[in-house]
Amino acid sequence: MTDPSAYISAHIQERLATEAHELGIRVDVRGDVVHLRGQVASEEQRRDVEEAARAAAEGHRICNEVSVFEVREPDREERIS
C-alpha cells in the first residue's frame, strides 16, 4: 500500500512547480498538517506557494514556514583582485 503522506507531498510538489513556479520548497506531511519550508524572493511568491499547497491538500492544515529573502542591487561596484 502507498503511503498517503508521500502521495500528498508529491501532489503538492507538482502544484508548486506548475502553479507557483517554485521547485525549491520542501514539503513535509505529518498527519493532517503540511509543513512548507524554503526561501522565495517575494511575499507574493510566498502567498502563491501557500495557495497552491492549499489547493493540492484539501482538508489539511498548512504551516507555511517559507521565508522571503530580499535580492538587492549592489550599492557599489565589486572589485575582484
N, C-alpha and C. Protein backbone atom coordinates (compact mmCIF):
# COMPACT_ATOMS: atom_id res chain seq x y z
N MET A 1 0.84 -1.18 0.00
CA MET A 1 0.00 0.00 0.00
C MET A 1 0.89 1.25 0.00
N THR A 2 0.49 2.26 -0.73
CA THR A 2 1.25 3.50 -0.85
C THR A 2 1.00 4.38 0.37
N ASP A 3 2.06 5.04 0.82
CA ASP A 3 1.97 5.97 1.95
C ASP A 3 1.19 7.20 1.50
N PRO A 4 0.04 7.48 2.13
CA PRO A 4 -0.76 8.64 1.69
C PRO A 4 -0.03 9.96 1.84
N SER A 5 0.84 10.09 2.85
CA SER A 5 1.57 11.35 3.02
C SER A 5 2.55 11.57 1.87
N ALA A 6 3.13 10.48 1.34
CA ALA A 6 4.04 10.60 0.19
C ALA A 6 3.27 11.05 -1.05
N TYR A 7 2.06 10.51 -1.22
CA TYR A 7 1.23 10.90 -2.36
C TYR A 7 0.85 12.38 -2.26
N ILE A 8 0.42 12.81 -1.07
CA ILE A 8 0.03 14.21 -0.88
C ILE A 8 1.22 15.13 -1.11
N SER A 9 2.37 14.75 -0.57
CA SER A 9 3.58 15.54 -0.74
C SER A 9 3.94 15.69 -2.22
N ALA A 10 3.89 14.60 -2.97
CA ALA A 10 4.20 14.64 -4.40
C ALA A 10 3.18 15.50 -5.15
N HIS A 11 1.92 15.39 -4.77
CA HIS A 11 0.86 16.18 -5.41
C HIS A 11 1.09 17.68 -5.15
N ILE A 12 1.47 18.02 -3.94
CA ILE A 12 1.76 19.42 -3.61
C ILE A 12 2.97 19.91 -4.39
N GLN A 13 4.03 19.10 -4.44
CA GLN A 13 5.24 19.49 -5.19
C GLN A 13 4.90 19.78 -6.65
N GLU A 14 4.04 18.95 -7.22
CA GLU A 14 3.64 19.15 -8.62
C GLU A 14 2.90 20.48 -8.78
N ARG A 15 1.98 20.77 -7.85
CA ARG A 15 1.23 22.03 -7.93
C ARG A 15 2.16 23.23 -7.71
N LEU A 16 3.13 23.10 -6.81
CA LEU A 16 4.07 24.19 -6.58
C LEU A 16 4.87 24.48 -7.84
N ALA A 17 5.25 23.44 -8.55
CA ALA A 17 6.03 23.61 -9.78
C ALA A 17 5.19 24.23 -10.89
N THR A 18 3.96 23.78 -11.04
CA THR A 18 3.14 24.25 -12.17
C THR A 18 2.41 25.55 -11.90
N GLU A 19 1.94 25.77 -10.67
CA GLU A 19 1.15 26.96 -10.37
C GLU A 19 1.96 28.09 -9.74
N ALA A 20 2.86 27.74 -8.83
CA ALA A 20 3.65 28.77 -8.14
C ALA A 20 5.04 28.92 -8.75
N HIS A 21 5.38 28.04 -9.68
CA HIS A 21 6.69 28.06 -10.36
C HIS A 21 7.84 28.01 -9.37
N GLU A 22 7.69 27.17 -8.35
CA GLU A 22 8.71 27.00 -7.32
C GLU A 22 9.12 25.54 -7.25
N LEU A 23 10.42 25.30 -7.33
CA LEU A 23 10.93 23.93 -7.24
C LEU A 23 11.71 23.69 -5.95
N GLY A 24 12.08 24.74 -5.25
CA GLY A 24 12.96 24.59 -4.09
C GLY A 24 12.25 24.56 -2.75
N ILE A 25 10.96 24.30 -2.73
CA ILE A 25 10.21 24.27 -1.47
C ILE A 25 10.14 22.84 -0.97
N ARG A 26 10.52 22.65 0.30
CA ARG A 26 10.42 21.32 0.92
C ARG A 26 9.01 21.15 1.48
N VAL A 27 8.45 19.98 1.25
CA VAL A 27 7.10 19.68 1.72
C VAL A 27 7.19 18.47 2.65
N ASP A 28 6.65 18.61 3.85
CA ASP A 28 6.65 17.53 4.83
C ASP A 28 5.22 17.37 5.34
N VAL A 29 4.64 16.20 5.13
CA VAL A 29 3.27 15.94 5.56
C VAL A 29 3.31 15.06 6.80
N ARG A 30 2.71 15.55 7.87
CA ARG A 30 2.63 14.79 9.13
C ARG A 30 1.18 14.81 9.59
N GLY A 31 0.53 13.68 9.42
CA GLY A 31 -0.89 13.61 9.76
C GLY A 31 -1.67 14.53 8.86
N ASP A 32 -2.41 15.46 9.48
CA ASP A 32 -3.22 16.38 8.67
C ASP A 32 -2.56 17.75 8.53
N VAL A 33 -1.26 17.83 8.84
CA VAL A 33 -0.53 19.10 8.74
C VAL A 33 0.53 19.02 7.65
N VAL A 34 0.54 20.01 6.77
CA VAL A 34 1.55 20.11 5.71
C VAL A 34 2.49 21.25 6.08
N HIS A 35 3.78 20.93 6.21
CA HIS A 35 4.80 21.94 6.51
C HIS A 35 5.50 22.32 5.21
N LEU A 36 5.58 23.61 4.94
CA LEU A 36 6.28 24.13 3.77
C LEU A 36 7.51 24.88 4.26
N ARG A 37 8.68 24.55 3.68
CA ARG A 37 9.92 25.20 4.10
C ARG A 37 10.75 25.54 2.86
N GLY A 38 11.44 26.66 2.94
CA GLY A 38 12.31 27.08 1.85
C GLY A 38 12.37 28.59 1.81
N GLN A 39 12.88 29.11 0.69
CA GLN A 39 13.01 30.55 0.52
C GLN A 39 12.48 30.97 -0.84
N VAL A 40 11.87 32.14 -0.87
CA VAL A 40 11.39 32.74 -2.11
C VAL A 40 11.82 34.20 -2.12
N ALA A 41 11.68 34.85 -3.26
CA ALA A 41 12.18 36.22 -3.42
C ALA A 41 11.17 37.31 -3.07
N SER A 42 9.90 36.95 -2.83
CA SER A 42 8.92 38.00 -2.52
C SER A 42 7.79 37.44 -1.67
N GLU A 43 7.08 38.35 -1.02
CA GLU A 43 5.91 37.96 -0.22
C GLU A 43 4.82 37.40 -1.13
N GLU A 44 4.72 37.92 -2.35
CA GLU A 44 3.74 37.41 -3.31
C GLU A 44 4.02 35.94 -3.64
N GLN A 45 5.28 35.60 -3.85
CA GLN A 45 5.64 34.20 -4.13
C GLN A 45 5.32 33.32 -2.92
N ARG A 46 5.55 33.85 -1.73
CA ARG A 46 5.25 33.09 -0.51
C ARG A 46 3.75 32.78 -0.45
N ARG A 47 2.92 33.77 -0.76
CA ARG A 47 1.46 33.55 -0.79
C ARG A 47 1.07 32.57 -1.88
N ASP A 48 1.70 32.68 -3.06
CA ASP A 48 1.41 31.76 -4.16
C ASP A 48 1.71 30.32 -3.77
N VAL A 49 2.82 30.12 -3.06
CA VAL A 49 3.20 28.78 -2.59
C VAL A 49 2.12 28.24 -1.65
N GLU A 50 1.69 29.05 -0.72
CA GLU A 50 0.67 28.60 0.24
C GLU A 50 -0.65 28.30 -0.46
N GLU A 51 -1.06 29.15 -1.39
CA GLU A 51 -2.32 28.92 -2.11
C GLU A 51 -2.27 27.63 -2.92
N ALA A 52 -1.16 27.38 -3.60
CA ALA A 52 -1.02 26.14 -4.38
C ALA A 52 -1.06 24.92 -3.47
N ALA A 53 -0.41 25.01 -2.32
CA ALA A 53 -0.41 23.89 -1.37
C ALA A 53 -1.82 23.65 -0.83
N ARG A 54 -2.54 24.72 -0.51
CA ARG A 54 -3.92 24.57 0.00
C ARG A 54 -4.81 23.89 -1.04
N ALA A 55 -4.65 24.28 -2.30
CA ALA A 55 -5.47 23.69 -3.36
C ALA A 55 -5.15 22.21 -3.56
N ALA A 56 -3.90 21.83 -3.34
CA ALA A 56 -3.48 20.45 -3.56
C ALA A 56 -3.75 19.56 -2.36
N ALA A 57 -3.93 20.15 -1.18
CA ALA A 57 -4.06 19.34 0.04
C ALA A 57 -5.32 19.73 0.81
N GLU A 58 -6.45 19.65 0.14
CA GLU A 58 -7.71 19.98 0.80
C GLU A 58 -7.89 19.13 2.04
N GLY A 59 -8.37 19.76 3.11
CA GLY A 59 -8.60 19.04 4.35
C GLY A 59 -7.38 18.99 5.25
N HIS A 60 -6.25 19.49 4.77
CA HIS A 60 -5.03 19.54 5.58
C HIS A 60 -4.78 20.98 6.03
N ARG A 61 -4.15 21.10 7.18
CA ARG A 61 -3.73 22.40 7.67
C ARG A 61 -2.37 22.72 7.07
N ILE A 62 -2.17 23.96 6.65
CA ILE A 62 -0.90 24.36 6.03
C ILE A 62 -0.11 25.19 7.04
N CYS A 63 1.12 24.77 7.28
CA CYS A 63 2.04 25.50 8.14
C CYS A 63 3.13 26.08 7.22
N ASN A 64 2.97 27.34 6.85
CA ASN A 64 3.86 27.97 5.88
C ASN A 64 5.07 28.56 6.60
N GLU A 65 6.19 27.87 6.51
CA GLU A 65 7.44 28.33 7.12
C GLU A 65 8.41 28.84 6.05
N VAL A 66 7.88 29.17 4.89
CA VAL A 66 8.70 29.69 3.79
C VAL A 66 9.11 31.12 4.14
N SER A 67 10.39 31.41 3.98
CA SER A 67 10.88 32.76 4.28
C SER A 67 11.16 33.53 2.99
N VAL A 68 11.09 34.84 3.11
CA VAL A 68 11.34 35.74 1.98
C VAL A 68 12.73 36.33 2.15
N PHE A 69 13.54 36.17 1.12
CA PHE A 69 14.85 36.81 1.15
C PHE A 69 14.84 37.92 0.11
N GLU A 70 15.43 39.02 0.46
CA GLU A 70 15.41 40.19 -0.41
C GLU A 70 16.67 40.20 -1.28
N VAL A 71 16.46 40.34 -2.56
CA VAL A 71 17.58 40.44 -3.50
C VAL A 71 17.72 41.91 -3.85
N ARG A 72 18.88 42.46 -3.56
CA ARG A 72 19.12 43.88 -3.82
C ARG A 72 20.23 44.05 -4.85
N GLU A 73 20.14 45.17 -5.53
CA GLU A 73 21.22 45.57 -6.42
C GLU A 73 22.40 45.98 -5.55
N PRO A 74 23.61 45.68 -5.98
CA PRO A 74 24.77 46.12 -5.19
C PRO A 74 24.81 47.64 -5.12
N ASP A 75 25.24 48.16 -3.98
CA ASP A 75 25.30 49.62 -3.84
C ASP A 75 26.59 50.20 -4.39
N ARG A 76 27.55 49.33 -4.69
CA ARG A 76 28.80 49.79 -5.31
C ARG A 76 29.36 48.67 -6.17
N GLU A 77 30.31 49.02 -6.98
CA GLU A 77 30.94 48.04 -7.86
C GLU A 77 31.81 47.10 -7.03
N GLU A 78 31.71 45.82 -7.33
CA GLU A 78 32.52 44.85 -6.62
C GLU A 78 33.88 44.72 -7.31
N ARG A 79 34.93 44.80 -6.53
CA ARG A 79 36.28 44.66 -7.07
C ARG A 79 36.75 43.23 -6.87
N ILE A 80 37.24 42.66 -7.93
CA ILE A 80 37.79 41.31 -7.87
C ILE A 80 39.27 41.41 -8.15
N SER A 81 40.07 40.91 -7.22
CA SER A 81 41.52 41.01 -7.41
C SER A 81 42.15 39.64 -7.57
